[in-house]
Amino acid sequence: MLKILIMFVRFVSFVKTPTAPVTPAPATPTTPVTPAPKPTGSATWCLPKPGIPDSELQSNLDYACSMGIDCSPIQEGGPCFEPNTVASHAAYAMNVLYQTAGRNPWNCDFSQTASLTSTNPSYNGCTYPGGNL
């Protein structure tokens, strides 16, 4: 009987007691980061920086109009056609693209040839779309 008891003790020491499956502790929940709301109250426009060569402004104009914005106001007969200069037309198109792309500062970069202003550039019958940042 003693032999049986010793064999039983040895057997039990080799056999592990089944345990419940180990599940990792849940990770500490994190709150999603919400971007800060855009400040309201001041309209902004995107315009070329002074002194940018016409060749760069023409590239900006071509790019902006190729992005599906309405460039008809700067076409001949449009309210923003005059003055008929690359700088004037580029300013209008760059601003419209900025306004429609989300009004974020990065939407008014144009390879560092543009900047934001709070001064409304509209003139005579030419209205530049503007909005709050």
N, C-alpha and C. Protein backbone atom coordinates (compact mmCIF):
# COMPACT_ATOMS: atom_id res chain seq x y z
N MET A 1 0.81 -1.17 0.00
CA MET A 1 0.00 0.00 0.00
C MET A 1 0.87 1.27 0.00
N LEU A 2 1.97 1.19 0.72
CA LEU A 2 2.88 2.31 0.76
C LEU A 2 3.45 2.58 -0.63
N LYS A 3 3.74 1.49 -1.38
CA LYS A 3 4.25 1.66 -2.72
C LYS A 3 3.24 2.39 -3.60
N ILE A 4 1.99 2.04 -3.44
CA ILE A 4 0.95 2.68 -4.25
C ILE A 4 0.85 4.16 -3.89
N LEU A 5 0.94 4.46 -2.62
CA LEU A 5 0.86 5.85 -2.19
C LEU A 5 2.05 6.65 -2.73
N ILE A 6 3.24 6.10 -2.70
CA ILE A 6 4.43 6.80 -3.20
C ILE A 6 4.28 7.02 -4.71
N MET A 7 3.82 5.98 -5.40
CA MET A 7 3.65 6.12 -6.84
C MET A 7 2.59 7.18 -7.16
N PHE A 8 1.55 7.23 -6.36
CA PHE A 8 0.50 8.22 -6.56
C PHE A 8 1.04 9.63 -6.36
N VAL A 9 1.85 9.84 -5.31
CA VAL A 9 2.40 11.16 -5.01
C VAL A 9 3.32 11.59 -6.16
N ARG A 10 4.16 10.67 -6.64
CA ARG A 10 5.04 11.00 -7.75
C ARG A 10 4.22 11.35 -9.00
N PHE A 11 3.18 10.59 -9.25
CA PHE A 11 2.33 10.83 -10.41
C PHE A 11 1.68 12.20 -10.33
N VAL A 12 1.15 12.50 -9.17
CA VAL A 12 0.46 13.78 -8.99
C VAL A 12 1.45 14.94 -9.14
N SER A 13 2.69 14.77 -8.71
CA SER A 13 3.64 15.87 -8.82
C SER A 13 4.02 16.16 -10.27
N PHE A 14 3.87 15.13 -11.16
CA PHE A 14 4.16 15.34 -12.57
C PHE A 14 2.96 15.85 -13.35
N VAL A 15 1.81 15.58 -12.85
CA VAL A 15 0.60 16.00 -13.55
C VAL A 15 0.23 17.40 -13.04
N LYS A 16 0.05 18.29 -13.98
CA LYS A 16 -0.32 19.64 -13.59
C LYS A 16 -1.83 19.75 -13.53
N THR A 17 -2.26 20.48 -12.57
CA THR A 17 -3.67 20.71 -12.44
C THR A 17 -4.12 21.63 -13.56
N PRO A 18 -5.18 21.24 -14.29
CA PRO A 18 -5.63 22.13 -15.36
C PRO A 18 -6.06 23.48 -14.78
N THR A 19 -5.70 24.53 -15.51
CA THR A 19 -6.09 25.87 -15.09
C THR A 19 -6.86 26.53 -16.22
N ALA A 20 -7.55 27.57 -15.87
CA ALA A 20 -8.29 28.32 -16.89
C ALA A 20 -7.29 28.96 -17.85
N PRO A 21 -7.65 29.08 -19.12
CA PRO A 21 -6.72 29.70 -20.06
C PRO A 21 -6.36 31.11 -19.60
N VAL A 22 -5.11 31.42 -19.80
CA VAL A 22 -4.63 32.74 -19.39
C VAL A 22 -4.89 33.71 -20.54
N THR A 23 -5.66 34.72 -20.23
CA THR A 23 -5.90 35.76 -21.22
C THR A 23 -5.17 37.01 -20.75
N PRO A 24 -4.52 37.66 -21.68
CA PRO A 24 -3.79 38.86 -21.26
C PRO A 24 -4.75 39.92 -20.74
N ALA A 25 -4.25 40.68 -19.81
CA ALA A 25 -5.06 41.78 -19.27
C ALA A 25 -5.32 42.78 -20.38
N PRO A 26 -6.52 43.31 -20.42
CA PRO A 26 -6.81 44.28 -21.48
C PRO A 26 -5.89 45.49 -21.36
N ALA A 27 -5.50 45.98 -22.52
CA ALA A 27 -4.66 47.18 -22.54
C ALA A 27 -5.45 48.35 -21.99
N THR A 28 -4.74 49.25 -21.42
CA THR A 28 -5.39 50.44 -20.91
C THR A 28 -6.02 51.17 -22.08
N PRO A 29 -7.33 51.41 -22.01
CA PRO A 29 -7.96 52.09 -23.14
C PRO A 29 -7.37 53.48 -23.31
N THR A 30 -7.22 53.85 -24.57
CA THR A 30 -6.73 55.19 -24.86
C THR A 30 -7.83 56.00 -25.52
N THR A 31 -7.85 57.23 -25.21
CA THR A 31 -8.82 58.13 -25.81
C THR A 31 -8.26 58.59 -27.14
N PRO A 32 -9.04 58.47 -28.22
CA PRO A 32 -8.53 58.94 -29.50
C PRO A 32 -8.19 60.43 -29.44
N VAL A 33 -7.14 60.79 -30.13
CA VAL A 33 -6.74 62.19 -30.18
C VAL A 33 -7.60 62.89 -31.20
N THR A 34 -8.27 63.92 -30.76
CA THR A 34 -9.11 64.70 -31.65
C THR A 34 -8.37 65.98 -32.00
N PRO A 35 -8.28 66.29 -33.30
CA PRO A 35 -7.59 67.53 -33.65
C PRO A 35 -8.27 68.73 -33.01
N ALA A 36 -7.48 69.70 -32.68
CA ALA A 36 -8.04 70.92 -32.11
C ALA A 36 -8.95 71.57 -33.13
N PRO A 37 -10.07 72.09 -32.68
CA PRO A 37 -10.97 72.75 -33.63
C PRO A 37 -10.31 73.97 -34.23
N LYS A 38 -10.69 74.24 -35.45
CA LYS A 38 -10.16 75.42 -36.12
C LYS A 38 -10.74 76.66 -35.47
N PRO A 39 -9.91 77.66 -35.23
CA PRO A 39 -10.45 78.89 -34.66
C PRO A 39 -11.44 79.52 -35.63
N THR A 40 -12.42 80.16 -35.09
CA THR A 40 -13.40 80.82 -35.94
C THR A 40 -13.35 82.31 -35.71
N GLY A 41 -13.93 83.02 -36.63
CA GLY A 41 -14.05 84.45 -36.42
C GLY A 41 -13.22 85.30 -37.35
N SER A 42 -12.19 84.75 -37.96
CA SER A 42 -11.40 85.58 -38.87
C SER A 42 -11.28 84.88 -40.22
N ALA A 43 -11.70 85.58 -41.25
CA ALA A 43 -11.61 85.03 -42.60
C ALA A 43 -10.16 85.11 -43.06
N THR A 44 -9.77 84.14 -43.87
CA THR A 44 -8.41 84.12 -44.40
C THR A 44 -8.44 83.85 -45.89
N TRP A 45 -7.45 84.38 -46.57
CA TRP A 45 -7.29 84.18 -48.00
C TRP A 45 -5.85 83.76 -48.25
N CYS A 46 -5.66 83.01 -49.32
CA CYS A 46 -4.33 82.53 -49.71
C CYS A 46 -3.89 83.31 -50.95
N LEU A 47 -2.77 83.98 -50.85
CA LEU A 47 -2.27 84.81 -51.95
C LEU A 47 -0.79 84.54 -52.19
N PRO A 48 -0.32 84.79 -53.41
CA PRO A 48 1.11 84.64 -53.67
C PRO A 48 1.93 85.62 -52.83
N LYS A 49 3.11 85.18 -52.44
CA LYS A 49 4.03 86.08 -51.75
C LYS A 49 4.55 87.10 -52.76
N PRO A 50 4.89 88.28 -52.30
CA PRO A 50 5.45 89.29 -53.21
C PRO A 50 6.76 88.81 -53.82
N GLY A 51 6.98 89.18 -55.07
CA GLY A 51 8.26 88.90 -55.72
C GLY A 51 8.40 87.52 -56.34
N ILE A 52 7.33 86.73 -56.36
CA ILE A 52 7.40 85.40 -56.96
C ILE A 52 7.40 85.56 -58.48
N PRO A 53 8.32 84.92 -59.18
CA PRO A 53 8.37 85.06 -60.65
C PRO A 53 7.10 84.53 -61.32
N ASP A 54 6.77 85.16 -62.47
CA ASP A 54 5.58 84.75 -63.22
C ASP A 54 5.61 83.27 -63.60
N SER A 55 6.80 82.73 -63.85
CA SER A 55 6.89 81.31 -64.24
C SER A 55 6.38 80.41 -63.11
N GLU A 56 6.70 80.74 -61.87
CA GLU A 56 6.21 79.95 -60.73
C GLU A 56 4.72 80.18 -60.52
N LEU A 57 4.29 81.43 -60.70
CA LEU A 57 2.87 81.72 -60.54
C LEU A 57 2.05 81.01 -61.62
N GLN A 58 2.60 80.93 -62.83
CA GLN A 58 1.90 80.22 -63.91
C GLN A 58 1.77 78.73 -63.55
N SER A 59 2.80 78.17 -62.96
CA SER A 59 2.73 76.76 -62.52
C SER A 59 1.65 76.59 -61.45
N ASN A 60 1.59 77.54 -60.52
CA ASN A 60 0.55 77.48 -59.48
C ASN A 60 -0.84 77.60 -60.10
N LEU A 61 -0.98 78.51 -61.05
CA LEU A 61 -2.26 78.72 -61.73
C LEU A 61 -2.68 77.45 -62.47
N ASP A 62 -1.76 76.88 -63.22
CA ASP A 62 -2.06 75.64 -63.96
C ASP A 62 -2.44 74.51 -63.01
N TYR A 63 -1.69 74.38 -61.91
CA TYR A 63 -1.97 73.33 -60.94
C TYR A 63 -3.35 73.52 -60.31
N ALA A 64 -3.62 74.73 -59.83
CA ALA A 64 -4.90 74.98 -59.15
C ALA A 64 -6.07 74.71 -60.09
N CYS A 65 -5.99 75.20 -61.31
CA CYS A 65 -7.11 75.00 -62.24
C CYS A 65 -7.24 73.54 -62.68
N SER A 66 -6.15 72.78 -62.61
CA SER A 66 -6.23 71.35 -62.98
C SER A 66 -6.85 70.51 -61.86
N MET A 67 -7.02 71.10 -60.68
CA MET A 67 -7.56 70.36 -59.54
C MET A 67 -9.09 70.41 -59.48
N GLY A 68 -9.72 70.93 -60.51
CA GLY A 68 -11.18 70.89 -60.58
C GLY A 68 -11.88 72.10 -59.99
N ILE A 69 -11.15 73.13 -59.64
CA ILE A 69 -11.81 74.34 -59.13
C ILE A 69 -12.41 75.11 -60.31
N ASP A 70 -13.27 76.04 -59.99
CA ASP A 70 -13.90 76.87 -61.03
C ASP A 70 -12.98 78.04 -61.36
N CYS A 71 -12.35 77.96 -62.51
CA CYS A 71 -11.45 79.04 -62.95
C CYS A 71 -12.13 79.96 -63.96
N SER A 72 -13.43 79.80 -64.16
CA SER A 72 -14.12 80.65 -65.14
C SER A 72 -14.10 82.13 -64.77
N PRO A 73 -14.08 82.52 -63.49
CA PRO A 73 -14.02 83.96 -63.20
C PRO A 73 -12.76 84.65 -63.70
N ILE A 74 -11.67 83.89 -63.95
CA ILE A 74 -10.44 84.52 -64.44
C ILE A 74 -10.26 84.31 -65.94
N GLN A 75 -11.28 83.76 -66.58
CA GLN A 75 -11.26 83.62 -68.05
C GLN A 75 -11.75 84.94 -68.66
N GLU A 76 -11.41 85.16 -69.91
CA GLU A 76 -11.84 86.39 -70.57
C GLU A 76 -13.36 86.55 -70.45
N GLY A 77 -13.77 87.74 -70.04
CA GLY A 77 -15.19 88.03 -69.83
C GLY A 77 -15.64 87.75 -68.41
N GLY A 78 -14.81 87.07 -67.61
CA GLY A 78 -15.16 86.77 -66.21
C GLY A 78 -14.93 87.98 -65.32
N PRO A 79 -15.55 88.01 -64.16
CA PRO A 79 -15.45 89.18 -63.27
C PRO A 79 -14.05 89.41 -62.70
N CYS A 80 -13.18 88.41 -62.77
CA CYS A 80 -11.82 88.56 -62.22
C CYS A 80 -10.74 88.47 -63.30
N PHE A 81 -11.14 88.62 -64.57
CA PHE A 81 -10.18 88.55 -65.67
C PHE A 81 -9.22 89.75 -65.64
N GLU A 82 -9.73 90.92 -65.34
CA GLU A 82 -8.89 92.13 -65.26
C GLU A 82 -8.44 92.34 -63.82
N PRO A 83 -7.21 92.66 -63.56
CA PRO A 83 -6.18 92.84 -64.56
C PRO A 83 -5.74 91.49 -65.15
N ASN A 84 -5.46 91.50 -66.43
CA ASN A 84 -5.09 90.29 -67.14
C ASN A 84 -3.60 90.03 -66.95
N THR A 85 -3.24 89.59 -65.74
CA THR A 85 -1.85 89.27 -65.42
C THR A 85 -1.78 87.88 -64.80
N VAL A 86 -0.64 87.27 -64.96
CA VAL A 86 -0.44 85.95 -64.35
C VAL A 86 -0.59 86.06 -62.83
N ALA A 87 -0.04 87.11 -62.25
CA ALA A 87 -0.09 87.27 -60.79
C ALA A 87 -1.53 87.36 -60.29
N SER A 88 -2.34 88.15 -60.98
CA SER A 88 -3.74 88.31 -60.56
C SER A 88 -4.52 87.01 -60.72
N HIS A 89 -4.33 86.35 -61.85
CA HIS A 89 -5.07 85.11 -62.08
C HIS A 89 -4.60 84.00 -61.13
N ALA A 90 -3.30 83.94 -60.89
CA ALA A 90 -2.78 82.94 -59.97
C ALA A 90 -3.30 83.19 -58.55
N ALA A 91 -3.36 84.44 -58.16
CA ALA A 91 -3.85 84.76 -56.82
C ALA A 91 -5.28 84.25 -56.63
N TYR A 92 -6.11 84.50 -57.62
CA TYR A 92 -7.50 84.05 -57.53
C TYR A 92 -7.57 82.52 -57.46
N ALA A 93 -6.88 81.84 -58.36
CA ALA A 93 -6.95 80.37 -58.43
C ALA A 93 -6.35 79.73 -57.17
N MET A 94 -5.23 80.25 -56.70
CA MET A 94 -4.61 79.69 -55.50
C MET A 94 -5.53 79.83 -54.30
N ASN A 95 -6.20 80.97 -54.19
CA ASN A 95 -7.13 81.17 -53.09
C ASN A 95 -8.32 80.22 -53.17
N VAL A 96 -8.87 80.05 -54.37
CA VAL A 96 -10.03 79.16 -54.51
C VAL A 96 -9.64 77.73 -54.14
N LEU A 97 -8.46 77.30 -54.57
CA LEU A 97 -8.02 75.95 -54.20
C LEU A 97 -7.84 75.83 -52.69
N TYR A 98 -7.24 76.83 -52.07
CA TYR A 98 -7.09 76.84 -50.61
C TYR A 98 -8.44 76.73 -49.92
N GLN A 99 -9.41 77.51 -50.38
CA GLN A 99 -10.73 77.53 -49.75
C GLN A 99 -11.42 76.17 -49.90
N THR A 100 -11.29 75.54 -51.06
CA THR A 100 -12.00 74.28 -51.31
C THR A 100 -11.26 73.06 -50.77
N ALA A 101 -9.96 73.19 -50.50
CA ALA A 101 -9.17 72.05 -50.03
C ALA A 101 -9.19 71.88 -48.52
N GLY A 102 -9.86 72.78 -47.81
CA GLY A 102 -9.96 72.60 -46.37
C GLY A 102 -9.53 73.77 -45.52
N ARG A 103 -9.00 74.80 -46.15
CA ARG A 103 -8.58 76.01 -45.43
C ARG A 103 -7.55 75.73 -44.33
N ASN A 104 -6.70 74.75 -44.56
CA ASN A 104 -5.62 74.47 -43.63
C ASN A 104 -4.38 75.21 -44.10
N PRO A 105 -3.50 75.58 -43.19
CA PRO A 105 -2.29 76.31 -43.62
C PRO A 105 -1.51 75.58 -44.70
N TRP A 106 -1.47 74.25 -44.63
CA TRP A 106 -0.73 73.49 -45.65
C TRP A 106 -1.41 73.52 -47.01
N ASN A 107 -2.68 73.93 -47.06
CA ASN A 107 -3.36 74.08 -48.35
C ASN A 107 -2.96 75.39 -49.03
N CYS A 108 -2.19 76.21 -48.35
CA CYS A 108 -1.73 77.49 -48.90
C CYS A 108 -0.21 77.53 -48.84
N ASP A 109 0.43 76.55 -49.44
CA ASP A 109 1.88 76.55 -49.45
C ASP A 109 2.41 76.79 -50.86
N PHE A 110 1.93 76.00 -51.81
CA PHE A 110 2.34 76.15 -53.21
C PHE A 110 3.87 76.27 -53.32
N SER A 111 4.54 75.28 -52.77
CA SER A 111 6.02 75.25 -52.78
C SER A 111 6.61 76.53 -52.19
N GLN A 112 6.02 76.97 -51.11
CA GLN A 112 6.47 78.14 -50.35
C GLN A 112 6.39 79.44 -51.14
N THR A 113 5.42 79.51 -52.07
CA THR A 113 5.25 80.74 -52.85
C THR A 113 3.99 81.50 -52.44
N ALA A 114 3.29 81.02 -51.41
CA ALA A 114 2.04 81.67 -50.99
C ALA A 114 2.01 81.84 -49.48
N SER A 115 1.14 82.69 -49.05
CA SER A 115 0.94 82.89 -47.61
C SER A 115 -0.50 83.31 -47.36
N LEU A 116 -0.90 83.18 -46.10
CA LEU A 116 -2.26 83.54 -45.71
C LEU A 116 -2.33 85.01 -45.32
N THR A 117 -3.48 85.59 -45.57
CA THR A 117 -3.72 86.97 -45.17
C THR A 117 -5.14 87.09 -44.62
N SER A 118 -5.33 88.05 -43.77
CA SER A 118 -6.68 88.33 -43.26
C SER A 118 -7.28 89.53 -43.99
N THR A 119 -6.56 90.07 -44.96
CA THR A 119 -7.04 91.20 -45.75
C THR A 119 -7.76 90.66 -46.99
N ASN A 120 -9.00 91.02 -47.13
CA ASN A 120 -9.81 90.55 -48.26
C ASN A 120 -9.27 91.17 -49.55
N PRO A 121 -8.84 90.31 -50.51
CA PRO A 121 -8.27 90.84 -51.75
C PRO A 121 -9.31 91.15 -52.83
N SER A 122 -10.59 90.98 -52.53
CA SER A 122 -11.64 91.23 -53.53
C SER A 122 -11.55 92.67 -54.02
N TYR A 123 -11.92 92.89 -55.27
CA TYR A 123 -11.89 94.25 -55.83
C TYR A 123 -12.99 94.36 -56.87
N ASN A 124 -13.49 95.57 -57.07
CA ASN A 124 -14.56 95.86 -58.02
C ASN A 124 -15.58 94.73 -58.01
N GLY A 125 -15.82 94.08 -59.13
CA GLY A 125 -16.80 93.00 -59.16
C GLY A 125 -16.19 91.62 -58.94
N CYS A 126 -14.92 91.59 -58.59
CA CYS A 126 -14.23 90.31 -58.39
C CYS A 126 -14.22 89.95 -56.90
N THR A 127 -14.97 88.92 -56.56
CA THR A 127 -15.06 88.50 -55.16
C THR A 127 -14.23 87.25 -54.95
N TYR A 128 -13.26 87.37 -54.09
CA TYR A 128 -12.44 86.21 -53.72
C TYR A 128 -13.19 85.44 -52.63
N PRO A 129 -13.43 84.16 -52.84
CA PRO A 129 -14.06 83.40 -51.75
C PRO A 129 -13.16 83.46 -50.52
N GLY A 130 -13.77 83.60 -49.39
CA GLY A 130 -13.01 83.63 -48.14
C GLY A 130 -13.76 82.87 -47.07
N GLY A 131 -13.06 82.46 -46.09
CA GLY A 131 -13.71 81.70 -45.03
C GLY A 131 -12.93 81.76 -43.75
N ASN A 132 -13.55 81.22 -42.74
CA ASN A 132 -12.89 81.17 -41.45
C ASN A 132 -11.86 80.07 -41.45
N LEU A 133 -10.80 80.31 -40.77
CA LEU A 133 -9.77 79.31 -40.62
C LEU A 133 -10.29 78.15 -39.80
